[in-house]
Amino acid sequence: ARTGKIGDGKIFVTDVEKVIRIRT
């Protein structure tokens, strides 16, 4: 994603406590 110009963006990382697949 890097272009080297202003506005390339950000990445945020958070912990996930639980994931549930609705179908199964």
mmCIF file of all heavy atoms, coordinates in Angstrom:
data_MODEL
# 
_entry.id   MODEL 
# 
loop_
_atom_site.group_PDB 
_atom_site.id 
_atom_site.type_symbol 
_atom_site.label_atom_id 
_atom_site.label_alt_id 
_atom_site.label_comp_id 
_atom_site.label_asym_id 
_atom_site.label_entity_id 
_atom_site.label_seq_id 
_atom_site.pdbx_PDB_ins_code 
_atom_site.Cartn_x 
_atom_site.Cartn_y 
_atom_site.Cartn_z 
_atom_site.occupancy 
_atom_site.B_iso_or_equiv 
_atom_site.pdbx_formal_charge 
_atom_site.auth_seq_id 
_atom_site.auth_comp_id 
_atom_site.auth_asym_id 
_atom_site.auth_atom_id 
_atom_site.pdbx_PDB_model_num 
ATOM 1   N N   . ALA A 1 1  ? 0.806   -1.228  0.000  1.00 0.00 ? 1  ALA A N   1 
ATOM 2   C CA  . ALA A 1 1  ? 0.000   0.000   0.000  1.00 0.00 ? 1  ALA A CA  1 
ATOM 3   C C   . ALA A 1 1  ? 0.838   1.276   0.000  1.00 0.00 ? 1  ALA A C   1 
ATOM 4   O O   . ALA A 1 1  ? 0.325   2.351   -0.299 1.00 0.00 ? 1  ALA A O   1 
ATOM 5   C CB  . ALA A 1 1  ? -0.938  0.005   1.213  1.00 0.00 ? 1  ALA A CB  1 
ATOM 6   N N   . ARG A 1 2  ? 2.112   1.182   0.301  1.00 0.00 ? 2  ARG A N   1 
ATOM 7   C CA  . ARG A 1 2  ? 2.963   2.372   0.414  1.00 0.00 ? 2  ARG A CA  1 
ATOM 8   C C   . ARG A 1 2  ? 3.235   3.002   -0.940 1.00 0.00 ? 2  ARG A C   1 
ATOM 9   O O   . ARG A 1 2  ? 3.644   2.341   -1.885 1.00 0.00 ? 2  ARG A O   1 
ATOM 10  C CB  . ARG A 1 2  ? 4.288   2.007   1.077  1.00 0.00 ? 2  ARG A CB  1 
ATOM 11  C CG  . ARG A 1 2  ? 5.244   3.203   1.162  1.00 0.00 ? 2  ARG A CG  1 
ATOM 12  C CD  . ARG A 1 2  ? 6.570   2.835   1.764  1.00 0.00 ? 2  ARG A CD  1 
ATOM 13  N NE  . ARG A 1 2  ? 6.395   2.618   3.185  1.00 0.00 ? 2  ARG A NE  1 
ATOM 14  C CZ  . ARG A 1 2  ? 7.107   1.740   3.889  1.00 0.00 ? 2  ARG A CZ  1 
ATOM 15  N NH1 . ARG A 1 2  ? 7.995   0.982   3.297  1.00 0.00 ? 2  ARG A NH1 1 
ATOM 16  N NH2 . ARG A 1 2  ? 6.903   1.628   5.181  1.00 0.00 ? 2  ARG A NH2 1 
ATOM 17  N N   . THR A 1 3  ? 2.972   4.318   -1.029 1.00 0.00 ? 3  THR A N   1 
ATOM 18  C CA  . THR A 1 3  ? 3.351   5.084   -2.218 1.00 0.00 ? 3  THR A CA  1 
ATOM 19  C C   . THR A 1 3  ? 4.488   6.044   -1.884 1.00 0.00 ? 3  THR A C   1 
ATOM 20  O O   . THR A 1 3  ? 5.120   6.583   -2.776 1.00 0.00 ? 3  THR A O   1 
ATOM 21  C CB  . THR A 1 3  ? 2.163   5.915   -2.757 1.00 0.00 ? 3  THR A CB  1 
ATOM 22  O OG1 . THR A 1 3  ? 1.831   6.927   -1.800 1.00 0.00 ? 3  THR A OG1 1 
ATOM 23  C CG2 . THR A 1 3  ? 0.966   5.049   -3.062 1.00 0.00 ? 3  THR A CG2 1 
ATOM 24  N N   . GLY A 1 4  ? 4.681   6.284   -0.591 1.00 0.00 ? 4  GLY A N   1 
ATOM 25  C CA  . GLY A 1 4  ? 5.705   7.228   -0.159 1.00 0.00 ? 4  GLY A CA  1 
ATOM 26  C C   . GLY A 1 4  ? 5.192   8.653   -0.074 1.00 0.00 ? 4  GLY A C   1 
ATOM 27  O O   . GLY A 1 4  ? 5.929   9.574   0.229  1.00 0.00 ? 4  GLY A O   1 
ATOM 28  N N   . LYS A 1 5  ? 3.912   8.840   -0.346 1.00 0.00 ? 5  LYS A N   1 
ATOM 29  C CA  . LYS A 1 5  ? 3.315   10.171  -0.307 1.00 0.00 ? 5  LYS A CA  1 
ATOM 30  C C   . LYS A 1 5  ? 2.376   10.267  0.892  1.00 0.00 ? 5  LYS A C   1 
ATOM 31  O O   . LYS A 1 5  ? 1.891   9.264   1.411  1.00 0.00 ? 5  LYS A O   1 
ATOM 32  C CB  . LYS A 1 5  ? 2.558   10.441  -1.601 1.00 0.00 ? 5  LYS A CB  1 
ATOM 33  C CG  . LYS A 1 5  ? 3.470   10.441  -2.814 1.00 0.00 ? 5  LYS A CG  1 
ATOM 34  C CD  . LYS A 1 5  ? 2.740   10.901  -4.050 1.00 0.00 ? 5  LYS A CD  1 
ATOM 35  C CE  . LYS A 1 5  ? 3.736   11.091  -5.167 1.00 0.00 ? 5  LYS A CE  1 
ATOM 36  N NZ  . LYS A 1 5  ? 3.687   10.076  -6.170 1.00 0.00 ? 5  LYS A NZ  1 
ATOM 37  N N   . ILE A 1 6  ? 2.089   11.494  1.277  1.00 0.00 ? 6  ILE A N   1 
ATOM 38  C CA  . ILE A 1 6  ? 1.196   11.725  2.402  1.00 0.00 ? 6  ILE A CA  1 
ATOM 39  C C   . ILE A 1 6  ? -0.171  11.116  2.104  1.00 0.00 ? 6  ILE A C   1 
ATOM 40  O O   . ILE A 1 6  ? -0.626  11.123  0.961  1.00 0.00 ? 6  ILE A O   1 
ATOM 41  C CB  . ILE A 1 6  ? 1.101   13.235  2.711  1.00 0.00 ? 6  ILE A CB  1 
ATOM 42  C CG1 . ILE A 1 6  ? 0.499   13.464  4.079  1.00 0.00 ? 6  ILE A CG1 1 
ATOM 43  C CG2 . ILE A 1 6  ? 0.362   13.969  1.634  1.00 0.00 ? 6  ILE A CG2 1 
ATOM 44  C CD1 . ILE A 1 6  ? 0.715   14.870  4.607  1.00 0.00 ? 6  ILE A CD1 1 
ATOM 45  N N   . GLY A 1 7  ? -0.803  10.544  3.115  1.00 0.00 ? 7  GLY A N   1 
ATOM 46  C CA  . GLY A 1 7  ? -2.124  9.968   2.944  1.00 0.00 ? 7  GLY A CA  1 
ATOM 47  C C   . GLY A 1 7  ? -2.121  8.482   2.608  1.00 0.00 ? 7  GLY A C   1 
ATOM 48  O O   . GLY A 1 7  ? -3.149  7.930   2.224  1.00 0.00 ? 7  GLY A O   1 
ATOM 49  N N   . ASP A 1 8  ? -0.972  7.809   2.760  1.00 0.00 ? 8  ASP A N   1 
ATOM 50  C CA  . ASP A 1 8  ? -0.902  6.376   2.473  1.00 0.00 ? 8  ASP A CA  1 
ATOM 51  C C   . ASP A 1 8  ? -1.781  5.558   3.411  1.00 0.00 ? 8  ASP A C   1 
ATOM 52  O O   . ASP A 1 8  ? -2.227  4.484   3.040  1.00 0.00 ? 8  ASP A O   1 
ATOM 53  C CB  . ASP A 1 8  ? 0.536   5.867   2.569  1.00 0.00 ? 8  ASP A CB  1 
ATOM 54  C CG  . ASP A 1 8  ? 1.303   6.041   1.266  1.00 0.00 ? 8  ASP A CG  1 
ATOM 55  O OD1 . ASP A 1 8  ? 0.675   6.386   0.252  1.00 0.00 ? 8  ASP A OD1 1 
ATOM 56  O OD2 . ASP A 1 8  ? 2.522   5.829   1.282  1.00 0.00 ? 8  ASP A OD2 1 
ATOM 57  N N   . GLY A 1 9  ? -2.045  6.050   4.607  1.00 0.00 ? 9  GLY A N   1 
ATOM 58  C CA  . GLY A 1 9  ? -2.981  5.374   5.500  1.00 0.00 ? 9  GLY A CA  1 
ATOM 59  C C   . GLY A 1 9  ? -2.385  4.922   6.811  1.00 0.00 ? 9  GLY A C   1 
ATOM 60  O O   . GLY A 1 9  ? -1.271  5.286   7.176  1.00 0.00 ? 9  GLY A O   1 
ATOM 61  N N   . LYS A 1 10 ? -3.146  4.090   7.510  1.00 0.00 ? 10 LYS A N   1 
ATOM 62  C CA  . LYS A 1 10 ? -2.763  3.594   8.828  1.00 0.00 ? 10 LYS A CA  1 
ATOM 63  C C   . LYS A 1 10 ? -3.222  2.153   8.972  1.00 0.00 ? 10 LYS A C   1 
ATOM 64  O O   . LYS A 1 10 ? -4.139  1.699   8.297  1.00 0.00 ? 10 LYS A O   1 
ATOM 65  C CB  . LYS A 1 10 ? -3.453  4.394   9.936  1.00 0.00 ? 10 LYS A CB  1 
ATOM 66  C CG  . LYS A 1 10 ? -3.129  5.868   9.994  1.00 0.00 ? 10 LYS A CG  1 
ATOM 67  C CD  . LYS A 1 10 ? -2.103  6.142   11.057 1.00 0.00 ? 10 LYS A CD  1 
ATOM 68  C CE  . LYS A 1 10 ? -1.900  7.613   11.365 1.00 0.00 ? 10 LYS A CE  1 
ATOM 69  N NZ  . LYS A 1 10 ? -1.750  8.515   10.300 1.00 0.00 ? 10 LYS A NZ  1 
ATOM 70  N N   . ILE A 1 11 ? -2.599  1.447   9.914  1.00 0.00 ? 11 ILE A N   1 
ATOM 71  C CA  . ILE A 1 11 ? -3.025  0.104   10.286 1.00 0.00 ? 11 ILE A CA  1 
ATOM 72  C C   . ILE A 1 11 ? -3.248  0.098   11.792 1.00 0.00 ? 11 ILE A C   1 
ATOM 73  O O   . ILE A 1 11 ? -2.404  0.569   12.555 1.00 0.00 ? 11 ILE A O   1 
ATOM 74  C CB  . ILE A 1 11 ? -1.971  -0.956  9.909  1.00 0.00 ? 11 ILE A CB  1 
ATOM 75  C CG1 . ILE A 1 11 ? -1.759  -0.980  8.400  1.00 0.00 ? 11 ILE A CG1 1 
ATOM 76  C CG2 . ILE A 1 11 ? -2.383  -2.333  10.428 1.00 0.00 ? 11 ILE A CG2 1 
ATOM 77  C CD1 . ILE A 1 11 ? -0.632  -1.890  7.956  1.00 0.00 ? 11 ILE A CD1 1 
ATOM 78  N N   . PHE A 1 12 ? -4.392  -0.447  12.209 1.00 0.00 ? 12 PHE A N   1 
ATOM 79  C CA  . PHE A 1 12 ? -4.715  -0.577  13.619 1.00 0.00 ? 12 PHE A CA  1 
ATOM 80  C C   . PHE A 1 12 ? -4.868  -2.059  13.933 1.00 0.00 ? 12 PHE A C   1 
ATOM 81  O O   . PHE A 1 12 ? -5.519  -2.794  13.180 1.00 0.00 ? 12 PHE A O   1 
ATOM 82  C CB  . PHE A 1 12 ? -6.025  0.143   13.957 1.00 0.00 ? 12 PHE A CB  1 
ATOM 83  C CG  . PHE A 1 12 ? -6.010  1.597   13.567 1.00 0.00 ? 12 PHE A CG  1 
ATOM 84  C CD1 . PHE A 1 12 ? -6.557  2.004   12.357 1.00 0.00 ? 12 PHE A CD1 1 
ATOM 85  C CD2 . PHE A 1 12 ? -5.444  2.549   14.395 1.00 0.00 ? 12 PHE A CD2 1 
ATOM 86  C CE1 . PHE A 1 12 ? -6.548  3.336   11.987 1.00 0.00 ? 12 PHE A CE1 1 
ATOM 87  C CE2 . PHE A 1 12 ? -5.430  3.889   14.032 1.00 0.00 ? 12 PHE A CE2 1 
ATOM 88  C CZ  . PHE A 1 12 ? -5.986  4.287   12.833 1.00 0.00 ? 12 PHE A CZ  1 
ATOM 89  N N   . VAL A 1 13 ? -4.289  -2.509  15.037 1.00 0.00 ? 13 VAL A N   1 
ATOM 90  C CA  . VAL A 1 13 ? -4.361  -3.914  15.434 1.00 0.00 ? 13 VAL A CA  1 
ATOM 91  C C   . VAL A 1 13 ? -4.975  -3.988  16.828 1.00 0.00 ? 13 VAL A C   1 
ATOM 92  O O   . VAL A 1 13 ? -4.540  -3.294  17.734 1.00 0.00 ? 13 VAL A O   1 
ATOM 93  C CB  . VAL A 1 13 ? -2.962  -4.569  15.439 1.00 0.00 ? 13 VAL A CB  1 
ATOM 94  C CG1 . VAL A 1 13 ? -3.043  -6.014  15.907 1.00 0.00 ? 13 VAL A CG1 1 
ATOM 95  C CG2 . VAL A 1 13 ? -2.310  -4.476  14.070 1.00 0.00 ? 13 VAL A CG2 1 
ATOM 96  N N   . THR A 1 14 ? -5.998  -4.848  16.968 1.00 0.00 ? 14 THR A N   1 
ATOM 97  C CA  . THR A 1 14 ? -6.640  -5.051  18.268 1.00 0.00 ? 14 THR A CA  1 
ATOM 98  C C   . THR A 1 14 ? -6.789  -6.544  18.529 1.00 0.00 ? 14 THR A C   1 
ATOM 99  O O   . THR A 1 14 ? -6.790  -7.360  17.603 1.00 0.00 ? 14 THR A O   1 
ATOM 100 C CB  . THR A 1 14 ? -8.027  -4.383  18.324 1.00 0.00 ? 14 THR A CB  1 
ATOM 101 O OG1 . THR A 1 14 ? -8.821  -4.854  17.231 1.00 0.00 ? 14 THR A OG1 1 
ATOM 102 C CG2 . THR A 1 14 ? -7.927  -2.871  18.232 1.00 0.00 ? 14 THR A CG2 1 
ATOM 103 N N   . ASP A 1 15 ? -6.938  -6.884  19.810 1.00 0.00 ? 15 ASP A N   1 
ATOM 104 C CA  . ASP A 1 15 ? -7.177  -8.279  20.195 1.00 0.00 ? 15 ASP A CA  1 
ATOM 105 C C   . ASP A 1 15 ? -8.628  -8.644  19.935 1.00 0.00 ? 15 ASP A C   1 
ATOM 106 O O   . ASP A 1 15 ? -9.530  -7.824  20.106 1.00 0.00 ? 15 ASP A O   1 
ATOM 107 C CB  . ASP A 1 15 ? -6.874  -8.483  21.680 1.00 0.00 ? 15 ASP A CB  1 
ATOM 108 C CG  . ASP A 1 15 ? -5.381  -8.443  21.975 1.00 0.00 ? 15 ASP A CG  1 
ATOM 109 O OD1 . ASP A 1 15 ? -4.601  -8.956  21.151 1.00 0.00 ? 15 ASP A OD1 1 
ATOM 110 O OD2 . ASP A 1 15 ? -5.005  -7.903  23.033 1.00 0.00 ? 15 ASP A OD2 1 
ATOM 111 N N   . VAL A 1 16 ? -8.854  -9.893  19.554 1.00 0.00 ? 16 VAL A N   1 
ATOM 112 C CA  . VAL A 1 16 ? -10.202 -10.425 19.363 1.00 0.00 ? 16 VAL A CA  1 
ATOM 113 C C   . VAL A 1 16 ? -10.408 -11.495 20.428 1.00 0.00 ? 16 VAL A C   1 
ATOM 114 O O   . VAL A 1 16 ? -9.652  -12.461 20.493 1.00 0.00 ? 16 VAL A O   1 
ATOM 115 C CB  . VAL A 1 16 ? -10.375 -11.017 17.951 1.00 0.00 ? 16 VAL A CB  1 
ATOM 116 C CG1 . VAL A 1 16 ? -11.723 -11.700 17.815 1.00 0.00 ? 16 VAL A CG1 1 
ATOM 117 C CG2 . VAL A 1 16 ? -10.200 -9.934  16.900 1.00 0.00 ? 16 VAL A CG2 1 
ATOM 118 N N   . GLU A 1 17 ? -11.396 -11.309 21.260 1.00 0.00 ? 17 GLU A N   1 
ATOM 119 C CA  . GLU A 1 17 ? -11.657 -12.251 22.337 1.00 0.00 ? 17 GLU A CA  1 
ATOM 120 C C   . GLU A 1 17 ? -12.361 -13.509 21.862 1.00 0.00 ? 17 GLU A C   1 
ATOM 121 O O   . GLU A 1 17 ? -12.085 -14.604 22.349 1.00 0.00 ? 17 GLU A O   1 
ATOM 122 C CB  . GLU A 1 17 ? -12.500 -11.587 23.426 1.00 0.00 ? 17 GLU A CB  1 
ATOM 123 C CG  . GLU A 1 17 ? -11.753 -10.529 24.197 1.00 0.00 ? 17 GLU A CG  1 
ATOM 124 C CD  . GLU A 1 17 ? -12.577 -9.958  25.328 1.00 0.00 ? 17 GLU A CD  1 
ATOM 125 O OE1 . GLU A 1 17 ? -13.433 -10.698 25.880 1.00 0.00 ? 17 GLU A OE1 1 
ATOM 126 O OE2 . GLU A 1 17 ? -12.381 -8.787  25.653 1.00 0.00 ? 17 GLU A OE2 1 
ATOM 127 N N   . LYS A 1 18 ? -13.288 -13.358 20.934 1.00 0.00 ? 18 LYS A N   1 
ATOM 128 C CA  . LYS A 1 18 ? -14.076 -14.511 20.527 1.00 0.00 ? 18 LYS A CA  1 
ATOM 129 C C   . LYS A 1 18 ? -14.553 -14.339 19.094 1.00 0.00 ? 18 LYS A C   1 
ATOM 130 O O   . LYS A 1 18 ? -14.916 -13.250 18.684 1.00 0.00 ? 18 LYS A O   1 
ATOM 131 C CB  . LYS A 1 18 ? -15.282 -14.640 21.461 1.00 0.00 ? 18 LYS A CB  1 
ATOM 132 C CG  . LYS A 1 18 ? -16.059 -15.920 21.330 1.00 0.00 ? 18 LYS A CG  1 
ATOM 133 C CD  . LYS A 1 18 ? -17.106 -16.013 22.450 1.00 0.00 ? 18 LYS A CD  1 
ATOM 134 C CE  . LYS A 1 18 ? -17.734 -17.373 22.477 1.00 0.00 ? 18 LYS A CE  1 
ATOM 135 N NZ  . LYS A 1 18 ? -18.634 -17.537 23.610 1.00 0.00 ? 18 LYS A NZ  1 
ATOM 136 N N   . VAL A 1 19 ? -14.571 -15.448 18.353 1.00 0.00 ? 19 VAL A N   1 
ATOM 137 C CA  . VAL A 1 19 ? -15.110 -15.473 17.000 1.00 0.00 ? 19 VAL A CA  1 
ATOM 138 C C   . VAL A 1 19 ? -16.074 -16.653 16.915 1.00 0.00 ? 19 VAL A C   1 
ATOM 139 O O   . VAL A 1 19 ? -15.746 -17.754 17.353 1.00 0.00 ? 19 VAL A O   1 
ATOM 140 C CB  . VAL A 1 19 ? -14.002 -15.650 15.937 1.00 0.00 ? 19 VAL A CB  1 
ATOM 141 C CG1 . VAL A 1 19 ? -14.600 -15.759 14.547 1.00 0.00 ? 19 VAL A CG1 1 
ATOM 142 C CG2 . VAL A 1 19 ? -13.012 -14.506 15.993 1.00 0.00 ? 19 VAL A CG2 1 
ATOM 143 N N   . ILE A 1 20 ? -17.251 -16.412 16.348 1.00 0.00 ? 20 ILE A N   1 
ATOM 144 C CA  . ILE A 1 20 ? -18.239 -17.473 16.170 1.00 0.00 ? 20 ILE A CA  1 
ATOM 145 C C   . ILE A 1 20 ? -18.729 -17.437 14.729 1.00 0.00 ? 20 ILE A C   1 
ATOM 146 O O   . ILE A 1 20 ? -19.154 -16.390 14.241 1.00 0.00 ? 20 ILE A O   1 
ATOM 147 C CB  . ILE A 1 20 ? -19.446 -17.292 17.112 1.00 0.00 ? 20 ILE A CB  1 
ATOM 148 C CG1 . ILE A 1 20 ? -18.988 -17.234 18.565 1.00 0.00 ? 20 ILE A CG1 1 
ATOM 149 C CG2 . ILE A 1 20 ? -20.478 -18.392 16.886 1.00 0.00 ? 20 ILE A CG2 1 
ATOM 150 C CD1 . ILE A 1 20 ? -20.060 -16.764 19.529 1.00 0.00 ? 20 ILE A CD1 1 
ATOM 151 N N   . ARG A 1 21 ? -18.642 -18.578 14.047 1.00 0.00 ? 21 ARG A N   1 
ATOM 152 C CA  . ARG A 1 21 ? -19.210 -18.682 12.699 1.00 0.00 ? 21 ARG A CA  1 
ATOM 153 C C   . ARG A 1 21 ? -20.706 -18.939 12.866 1.00 0.00 ? 21 ARG A C   1 
ATOM 154 O O   . ARG A 1 21 ? -21.115 -19.939 13.467 1.00 0.00 ? 21 ARG A O   1 
ATOM 155 C CB  . ARG A 1 21 ? -18.566 -19.809 11.911 1.00 0.00 ? 21 ARG A CB  1 
ATOM 156 C CG  . ARG A 1 21 ? -19.045 -19.869 10.466 1.00 0.00 ? 21 ARG A CG  1 
ATOM 157 C CD  . ARG A 1 21 ? -18.460 -21.065 9.727  1.00 0.00 ? 21 ARG A CD  1 
ATOM 158 N NE  . ARG A 1 21 ? -17.031 -21.157 9.918  1.00 0.00 ? 21 ARG A NE  1 
ATOM 159 C CZ  . ARG A 1 21 ? -16.112 -20.841 9.002  1.00 0.00 ? 21 ARG A CZ  1 
ATOM 160 N NH1 . ARG A 1 21 ? -16.496 -20.416 7.825  1.00 0.00 ? 21 ARG A NH1 1 
ATOM 161 N NH2 . ARG A 1 21 ? -14.836 -20.970 9.266  1.00 0.00 ? 21 ARG A NH2 1 
ATOM 162 N N   . ILE A 1 22 ? -21.530 -18.047 12.365 1.00 0.00 ? 22 ILE A N   1 
ATOM 163 C CA  . ILE A 1 22 ? -22.976 -18.124 12.568 1.00 0.00 ? 22 ILE A CA  1 
ATOM 164 C C   . ILE A 1 22 ? -23.561 -19.401 11.964 1.00 0.00 ? 22 ILE A C   1 
ATOM 165 O O   . ILE A 1 22 ? -24.387 -20.074 12.590 1.00 0.00 ? 22 ILE A O   1 
ATOM 166 C CB  . ILE A 1 22 ? -23.678 -16.871 11.996 1.00 0.00 ? 22 ILE A CB  1 
ATOM 167 C CG1 . ILE A 1 22 ? -23.247 -15.640 12.807 1.00 0.00 ? 22 ILE A CG1 1 
ATOM 168 C CG2 . ILE A 1 22 ? -25.185 -17.030 11.994 1.00 0.00 ? 22 ILE A CG2 1 
ATOM 169 C CD1 . ILE A 1 22 ? -23.712 -14.321 12.234 1.00 0.00 ? 22 ILE A CD1 1 
ATOM 170 N N   . ARG A 1 23 ? -23.146 -19.759 10.766 1.00 0.00 ? 23 ARG A N   1 
ATOM 171 C CA  . ARG A 1 23 ? -23.732 -20.899 10.076 1.00 0.00 ? 23 ARG A CA  1 
ATOM 172 C C   . ARG A 1 23 ? -23.551 -22.211 10.829 1.00 0.00 ? 23 ARG A C   1 
ATOM 173 O O   . ARG A 1 23 ? -24.474 -23.012 10.946 1.00 0.00 ? 23 ARG A O   1 
ATOM 174 C CB  . ARG A 1 23 ? -23.135 -21.027 8.670  1.00 0.00 ? 23 ARG A CB  1 
ATOM 175 C CG  . ARG A 1 23 ? -23.649 -22.222 7.871  1.00 0.00 ? 23 ARG A CG  1 
ATOM 176 C CD  . ARG A 1 23 ? -23.066 -22.266 6.464  1.00 0.00 ? 23 ARG A CD  1 
ATOM 177 N NE  . ARG A 1 23 ? -21.622 -22.237 6.420  1.00 0.00 ? 23 ARG A NE  1 
ATOM 178 C CZ  . ARG A 1 23 ? -20.840 -23.323 6.503  1.00 0.00 ? 23 ARG A CZ  1 
ATOM 179 N NH1 . ARG A 1 23 ? -21.364 -24.510 6.648  1.00 0.00 ? 23 ARG A NH1 1 
ATOM 180 N NH2 . ARG A 1 23 ? -19.530 -23.194 6.431  1.00 0.00 ? 23 ARG A NH2 1 
ATOM 181 N N   . THR A 1 24 ? -22.334 -22.446 11.379 1.00 0.00 ? 24 THR A N   1 
ATOM 182 C CA  . THR A 1 24 ? -22.041 -23.743 11.992 1.00 0.00 ? 24 THR A CA  1 
ATOM 183 C C   . THR A 1 24 ? -21.939 -23.714 13.511 1.00 0.00 ? 24 THR A C   1 
ATOM 184 O O   . THR A 1 24 ? -21.934 -24.753 14.148 1.00 0.00 ? 24 THR A O   1 
ATOM 185 C CB  . THR A 1 24 ? -20.720 -24.294 11.451 1.00 0.00 ? 24 THR A CB  1 
ATOM 186 O OG1 . THR A 1 24 ? -19.661 -23.387 11.810 1.00 0.00 ? 24 THR A OG1 1 
ATOM 187 C CG2 . THR A 1 24 ? -20.772 -24.490 9.953  1.00 0.00 ? 24 THR A CG2 1 
# 
